[in-house]
């Protein structure tokens, strides 16, 4: 993760578990999309639950709204040469 993303997440993030645990519907929705994901870290940002994990050497953030609907998937890349055409 680059330093800008780290600072952004540090400033904007609030622990998803500060007032409880991850809702079951969010966990189920994530596991349906990414059944092979391991070492998943959760946080809340901008009113969404965000799962962060590493796959194929890339950091992936998967965002869900409070209704457990997928919002977006963010994949960090190291350089423009690694962006798919």
C-alpha atoms as a PDB file:
ATOM      1  CA  UNK A   1       0.000   0.000   0.000  1.00  0.00           C
ATOM      2  CA  UNK A   2       1.462   3.370  -0.900  1.00  0.00           C
ATOM      3  CA  UNK A   3       1.818   6.111   1.701  1.00  0.00           C
ATOM      4  CA  UNK A   4      -0.981   8.276   0.289  1.00  0.00           C
ATOM      5  CA  UNK A   5      -3.502   5.437   0.535  1.00  0.00           C
ATOM      6  CA  UNK A   6      -2.263   4.621   4.018  1.00  0.00           C
ATOM      7  CA  UNK A   7      -2.733   8.208   5.198  1.00  0.00           C
ATOM      8  CA  UNK A   8      -6.134   8.432   3.519  1.00  0.00           C
ATOM      9  CA  UNK A   9      -7.296   5.255   5.232  1.00  0.00           C
ATOM     10  CA  UNK A  10      -5.820   6.311   8.546  1.00  0.00           C
ATOM     11  CA  UNK A  11      -7.680   9.623   8.465  1.00  0.00           C
ATOM     12  CA  UNK A  12     -10.980   8.324   7.085  1.00  0.00           C
ATOM     13  CA  UNK A  13     -11.254   4.912   8.671  1.00  0.00           C
ATOM     14  CA  UNK A  14     -13.211   3.993  11.721  1.00  0.00           C
ATOM     15  CA  UNK A  15     -12.974   0.462  13.004  1.00  0.00           C
ATOM     16  CA  UNK A  16     -15.880  -1.650  11.827  1.00  0.00           C
ATOM     17  CA  UNK A  17     -15.768  -3.323  15.194  1.00  0.00           C
ATOM     18  CA  UNK A  18     -15.690  -0.285  17.473  1.00  0.00           C
ATOM     19  CA  UNK A  19     -19.327  -0.762  18.435  1.00  0.00           C
ATOM     20  CA  UNK A  20     -19.789  -4.458  17.736  1.00  0.00           C
ATOM     21  CA  UNK A  21     -18.902  -7.064  15.200  1.00  0.00           C
ATOM     22  CA  UNK A  22     -19.173  -7.401  11.443  1.00  0.00           C
ATOM     23  CA  UNK A  23     -22.788  -7.988  10.391  1.00  0.00           C
ATOM     24  CA  UNK A  24     -23.394 -11.533   9.129  1.00  0.00           C
ATOM     25  CA  UNK A  25     -24.962 -10.350   5.860  1.00  0.00           C
ATOM     26  CA  UNK A  26     -21.790  -8.405   5.006  1.00  0.00           C
ATOM     27  CA  UNK A  27     -19.574 -11.418   5.768  1.00  0.00           C
ATOM     28  CA  UNK A  28     -21.794 -13.706   3.668  1.00  0.00           C
ATOM     29  CA  UNK A  29     -21.790 -11.318   0.697  1.00  0.00           C
ATOM     30  CA  UNK A  30     -18.003 -11.079   0.826  1.00  0.00           C
ATOM     31  CA  UNK A  31     -17.483 -14.837   1.080  1.00  0.00           C
ATOM     32  CA  UNK A  32     -19.781 -15.359  -1.897  1.00  0.00           C
ATOM     33  CA  UNK A  33     -17.625 -13.090  -4.078  1.00  0.00           C
ATOM     34  CA  UNK A  34     -14.210 -14.057  -2.673  1.00  0.00           C
ATOM     35  CA  UNK A  35     -14.399 -17.558  -1.167  1.00  0.00           C
ATOM     36  CA  UNK A  36     -10.607 -18.042  -1.399  1.00  0.00           C
ATOM     37  CA  UNK A  37      -9.665 -14.789   0.409  1.00  0.00           C
ATOM     38  CA  UNK A  38      -7.631 -15.173   3.594  1.00  0.00           C
ATOM     39  CA  UNK A  39      -6.220 -12.769   6.186  1.00  0.00           C
ATOM     40  CA  UNK A  40      -9.045 -10.319   5.569  1.00  0.00           C
ATOM     41  CA  UNK A  41      -9.073  -7.075   7.550  1.00  0.00           C
ATOM     42  CA  UNK A  42     -12.292  -5.090   7.886  1.00  0.00           C
ATOM     43  CA  UNK A  43     -12.892  -1.389   8.392  1.00  0.00           C
ATOM     44  CA  UNK A  44     -15.616   1.155   7.782  1.00  0.00           C
ATOM     45  CA  UNK A  45     -15.139   4.066   5.401  1.00  0.00           C
ATOM     46  CA  UNK A  46     -17.627   6.500   3.915  1.00  0.00           C
ATOM     47  CA  UNK A  47     -20.562   4.539   5.337  1.00  0.00           C
ATOM     48  CA  UNK A  48     -19.400   1.251   3.800  1.00  0.00           C
ATOM     49  CA  UNK A  49     -17.790  -1.907   5.119  1.00  0.00           C
ATOM     50  CA  UNK A  50     -14.443  -2.493   3.421  1.00  0.00           C
ATOM     51  CA  UNK A  51     -12.650  -5.845   3.270  1.00  0.00           C
ATOM     52  CA  UNK A  52      -8.911  -5.594   2.620  1.00  0.00           C
ATOM     53  CA  UNK A  53      -6.792  -8.573   1.578  1.00  0.00           C
ATOM     54  CA  UNK A  54      -3.905  -9.598  -0.681  1.00  0.00           C
ATOM     55  CA  UNK A  55      -4.459 -11.719  -3.810  1.00  0.00           C
ATOM     56  CA  UNK A  56      -1.871 -12.461  -6.477  1.00  0.00           C
ATOM     57  CA  UNK A  57       0.496  -9.997  -4.802  1.00  0.00           C
ATOM     58  CA  UNK A  58      -1.945  -7.083  -5.032  1.00  0.00           C
ATOM     59  CA  UNK A  59      -3.884  -5.342  -2.286  1.00  0.00           C
ATOM     60  CA  UNK A  60      -7.616  -5.538  -2.905  1.00  0.00           C
ATOM     61  CA  UNK A  61     -10.321  -3.537  -1.125  1.00  0.00           C
ATOM     62  CA  UNK A  62     -13.918  -4.685  -1.579  1.00  0.00           C
ATOM     63  CA  UNK A  63     -16.637  -2.242  -0.537  1.00  0.00           C
ATOM     64  CA  UNK A  64     -20.175  -3.145   0.597  1.00  0.00           C
ATOM     65  CA  UNK A  65     -23.002  -0.861   1.672  1.00  0.00           C
ATOM     66  CA  UNK A  66     -24.986  -1.470   4.853  1.00  0.00           C
ATOM     67  CA  UNK A  67     -27.457  -3.645   2.923  1.00  0.00           C
ATOM     68  CA  UNK A  68     -24.562  -6.008   1.993  1.00  0.00           C
ATOM     69  CA  UNK A  69     -24.660  -4.901  -1.636  1.00  0.00           C
ATOM     70  CA  UNK A  70     -21.328  -4.791  -3.448  1.00  0.00           C
ATOM     71  CA  UNK A  71     -20.331  -1.185  -4.170  1.00  0.00           C
ATOM     72  CA  UNK A  72     -16.886  -1.481  -5.764  1.00  0.00           C
ATOM     73  CA  UNK A  73     -13.583  -3.296  -5.797  1.00  0.00           C
ATOM     74  CA  UNK A  74     -10.371  -1.284  -5.573  1.00  0.00           C
ATOM     75  CA  UNK A  75      -7.069  -2.864  -6.597  1.00  0.00           C
ATOM     76  CA  UNK A  76      -3.824  -1.040  -5.842  1.00  0.00           C
ATOM     77  CA  UNK A  77      -1.204  -1.202  -8.593  1.00  0.00           C
ATOM     78  CA  UNK A  78       2.454  -0.274  -8.297  1.00  0.00           C
ATOM     79  CA  UNK A  79       2.833   1.346 -11.722  1.00  0.00           C
ATOM     80  CA  UNK A  80       0.893   2.139 -14.883  1.00  0.00           C
ATOM     81  CA  UNK A  81       2.667  -0.713 -16.658  1.00  0.00           C
ATOM     82  CA  UNK A  82       0.747  -3.160 -14.461  1.00  0.00           C
ATOM     83  CA  UNK A  83      -2.691  -1.708 -15.299  1.00  0.00           C
ATOM     84  CA  UNK A  84      -4.619  -4.069 -17.593  1.00  0.00           C
ATOM     85  CA  UNK A  85      -5.218  -2.693 -21.092  1.00  0.00           C
END
